[in-house]
Amino acid sequence: MRIVSADEVNGTLDFPALINVLRDAFRLGAIQPVRHHHTVERPQGAPTTLLLMPAWTDFAAGGFEGSGHIGVKIASVSPDNNKIGKPAVMAQYLLLDGTTGE
């Protein structure tokens, strides 16, 4: 597993090229179930919201032959974070190989 920091992404990613890659990926098709939305009550302060947003390559669309991908965005929304100088929304993305799960 490799964890890529925001600084690494911003320092190495070619954003104009990313737009083209994303455009092509959306044309291939993906399955995106309705996101999971959970309220996490806390003993003090506002509740945190946990969001789980899975998606995977639609292998049946257009005769896709590659391994594809499986991914999930995990986000938390903690409204009280501003009191400690942190963003209210924190998120990570887990990307897996569509065949092996690696």
C-alpha atoms as a PDB file:
ATOM      1  CA  MET A   1       0.000   0.000   0.000  1.00  0.00           C
ATOM      2  CA  ARG A   2       1.179   3.496  -0.766  1.00  0.00           C
ATOM      3  CA  ILE A   3      -0.138   6.582   0.967  1.00  0.00           C
ATOM      4  CA  VAL A   4       0.103   9.704  -1.185  1.00  0.00           C
ATOM      5  CA  SER A   5       0.039  12.999   0.689  1.00  0.00           C
ATOM      6  CA  ALA A   6      -1.734  16.117  -0.532  1.00  0.00           C
ATOM      7  CA  ASP A   7       1.657  17.792  -0.997  1.00  0.00           C
ATOM      8  CA  GLU A   8       2.817  14.897  -3.220  1.00  0.00           C
ATOM      9  CA  VAL A   9      -0.335  15.114  -5.316  1.00  0.00           C
ATOM     10  CA  ASN A  10      -0.064  18.881  -5.718  1.00  0.00           C
ATOM     11  CA  GLY A  11       3.660  18.706  -6.481  1.00  0.00           C
ATOM     12  CA  THR A  12       3.546  16.000  -9.134  1.00  0.00           C
ATOM     13  CA  LEU A  13       0.106  15.885 -10.723  1.00  0.00           C
ATOM     14  CA  ASP A  14      -0.374  17.553 -14.091  1.00  0.00           C
ATOM     15  CA  PHE A  15      -3.870  18.942 -13.589  1.00  0.00           C
ATOM     16  CA  PRO A  16      -4.642  19.687 -17.290  1.00  0.00           C
ATOM     17  CA  ALA A  17      -3.721  16.064 -18.119  1.00  0.00           C
ATOM     18  CA  LEU A  18      -5.849  14.894 -15.185  1.00  0.00           C
ATOM     19  CA  ILE A  19      -8.896  16.570 -16.706  1.00  0.00           C
ATOM     20  CA  ASN A  20      -8.446  14.551 -19.908  1.00  0.00           C
ATOM     21  CA  VAL A  21      -7.943  11.289 -18.000  1.00  0.00           C
ATOM     22  CA  LEU A  22     -11.041  11.933 -15.890  1.00  0.00           C
ATOM     23  CA  ARG A  23     -13.071  12.770 -18.994  1.00  0.00           C
ATOM     24  CA  ASP A  24     -12.055   9.440 -20.559  1.00  0.00           C
ATOM     25  CA  ALA A  25     -12.763   7.537 -17.333  1.00  0.00           C
ATOM     26  CA  PHE A  26     -16.275   8.954 -17.068  1.00  0.00           C
ATOM     27  CA  ARG A  27     -16.943   7.926 -20.676  1.00  0.00           C
ATOM     28  CA  LEU A  28     -16.002   4.311 -19.854  1.00  0.00           C
ATOM     29  CA  GLY A  29     -18.659   4.186 -17.192  1.00  0.00           C
ATOM     30  CA  ALA A  30     -18.651   3.511 -13.492  1.00  0.00           C
ATOM     31  CA  ILE A  31     -21.075   2.090 -11.005  1.00  0.00           C
ATOM     32  CA  GLN A  32     -21.714   4.507  -8.148  1.00  0.00           C
ATOM     33  CA  PRO A  33     -24.178   3.324  -5.503  1.00  0.00           C
ATOM     34  CA  VAL A  34     -25.893   5.903  -3.340  1.00  0.00           C
ATOM     35  CA  ARG A  35     -23.407   7.132  -0.756  1.00  0.00           C
ATOM     36  CA  HIS A  36     -23.669   5.887   2.808  1.00  0.00           C
ATOM     37  CA  HIS A  37     -24.469   8.657   5.253  1.00  0.00           C
ATOM     38  CA  HIS A  38     -24.041   8.030   8.991  1.00  0.00           C
ATOM     39  CA  THR A  39     -24.417  10.360  11.951  1.00  0.00           C
ATOM     40  CA  VAL A  40     -21.863   9.734  14.694  1.00  0.00           C
ATOM     41  CA  GLU A  41     -23.118  11.179  17.968  1.00  0.00           C
ATOM     42  CA  ARG A  42     -20.401  12.458  20.277  1.00  0.00           C
ATOM     43  CA  PRO A  43     -20.549  13.063  24.035  1.00  0.00           C
ATOM     44  CA  GLN A  44     -19.717  16.743  23.545  1.00  0.00           C
ATOM     45  CA  GLY A  45     -20.225  19.042  20.581  1.00  0.00           C
ATOM     46  CA  ALA A  46     -21.895  18.592  17.252  1.00  0.00           C
ATOM     47  CA  PRO A  47     -22.207  15.121  15.764  1.00  0.00           C
ATOM     48  CA  THR A  48     -19.761  14.032  13.079  1.00  0.00           C
ATOM     49  CA  THR A  49     -21.091  12.851   9.737  1.00  0.00           C
ATOM     50  CA  LEU A  50     -19.381   9.861   8.148  1.00  0.00           C
ATOM     51  CA  LEU A  51     -19.738   9.557   4.366  1.00  0.00           C
ATOM     52  CA  LEU A  52     -18.758   6.443   2.378  1.00  0.00           C
ATOM     53  CA  MET A  53     -18.809   6.818  -1.406  1.00  0.00           C
ATOM     54  CA  PRO A  54     -17.984   3.592  -3.270  1.00  0.00           C
ATOM     55  CA  ALA A  55     -17.530   3.269  -7.033  1.00  0.00           C
ATOM     56  CA  TRP A  56     -16.075   0.756  -9.463  1.00  0.00           C
ATOM     57  CA  THR A  57     -15.475   0.280 -13.144  1.00  0.00           C
ATOM     58  CA  ASP A  58     -18.560  -0.804 -15.076  1.00  0.00           C
ATOM     59  CA  PHE A  59     -16.950  -3.817 -16.725  1.00  0.00           C
ATOM     60  CA  ALA A  60     -20.029  -4.516 -18.860  1.00  0.00           C
ATOM     61  CA  ALA A  61     -20.057  -1.027 -20.397  1.00  0.00           C
ATOM     62  CA  GLY A  62     -18.478  -0.877 -23.823  1.00  0.00           C
ATOM     63  CA  GLY A  63     -16.658  -4.203 -23.593  1.00  0.00           C
ATOM     64  CA  PHE A  64     -14.109  -2.976 -21.048  1.00  0.00           C
ATOM     65  CA  GLU A  65     -11.103  -5.314 -21.097  1.00  0.00           C
ATOM     66  CA  GLY A  66      -8.746  -3.825 -18.487  1.00  0.00           C
ATOM     67  CA  SER A  67      -8.520  -4.702 -14.826  1.00  0.00           C
ATOM     68  CA  GLY A  68     -10.466  -1.584 -13.906  1.00  0.00           C
ATOM     69  CA  HIS A  69     -10.629  -0.112 -10.455  1.00  0.00           C
ATOM     70  CA  ILE A  70     -12.590  -0.281  -7.240  1.00  0.00           C
ATOM     71  CA  GLY A  71     -12.541   2.714  -4.956  1.00  0.00           C
ATOM     72  CA  VAL A  72     -14.149   4.344  -1.996  1.00  0.00           C
ATOM     73  CA  LYS A  73     -13.966   7.899  -0.730  1.00  0.00           C
ATOM     74  CA  ILE A  74     -14.239   8.122   3.031  1.00  0.00           C
ATOM     75  CA  ALA A  75     -15.078  11.542   4.404  1.00  0.00           C
ATOM     76  CA  SER A  76     -15.944  12.919   7.802  1.00  0.00           C
ATOM     77  CA  VAL A  77     -17.661  16.206   8.457  1.00  0.00           C
ATOM     78  CA  SER A  78     -16.893  17.535  11.933  1.00  0.00           C
ATOM     79  CA  PRO A  79     -18.415  21.006  12.308  1.00  0.00           C
ATOM     80  CA  ASP A  80     -16.551  21.733  15.556  1.00  0.00           C
ATOM     81  CA  ASN A  81     -13.125  21.351  13.899  1.00  0.00           C
ATOM     82  CA  ASN A  82     -13.015  25.089  13.223  1.00  0.00           C
ATOM     83  CA  LYS A  83     -12.616  25.596  16.987  1.00  0.00           C
ATOM     84  CA  ILE A  84      -9.254  23.806  16.836  1.00  0.00           C
ATOM     85  CA  GLY A  85      -8.061  25.282  13.529  1.00  0.00           C
ATOM     86  CA  LYS A  86      -8.809  22.265  11.356  1.00  0.00           C
ATOM     87  CA  PRO A  87     -11.016  21.887   8.280  1.00  0.00           C
ATOM     88  CA  ALA A  88     -14.533  20.624   8.911  1.00  0.00           C
ATOM     89  CA  VAL A  89     -14.215  18.086   6.086  1.00  0.00           C
ATOM     90  CA  MET A  90     -11.472  15.457   6.101  1.00  0.00           C
ATOM     91  CA  ALA A  91     -11.326  12.806   3.380  1.00  0.00           C
ATOM     92  CA  GLN A  92      -9.255   9.985   1.946  1.00  0.00           C
ATOM     93  CA  TYR A  93      -9.614   7.856  -1.155  1.00  0.00           C
ATOM     94  CA  LEU A  94      -8.797   4.154  -1.274  1.00  0.00           C
ATOM     95  CA  LEU A  95      -8.122   2.897  -4.821  1.00  0.00           C
ATOM     96  CA  LEU A  96      -7.884  -0.842  -5.526  1.00  0.00           C
ATOM     97  CA  ASP A  97      -7.067  -2.906  -8.592  1.00  0.00           C
ATOM     98  CA  GLY A  98     -10.365  -4.132 -10.030  1.00  0.00           C
ATOM     99  CA  THR A  99      -9.116  -7.694 -10.506  1.00  0.00           C
ATOM    100  CA  THR A 100      -6.906  -8.474  -7.521  1.00  0.00           C
ATOM    101  CA  GLY A 101      -8.120  -5.940  -4.965  1.00  0.00           C
ATOM    102  CA  GLU A 102      -4.536  -4.760  -4.421  1.00  0.00           C
END
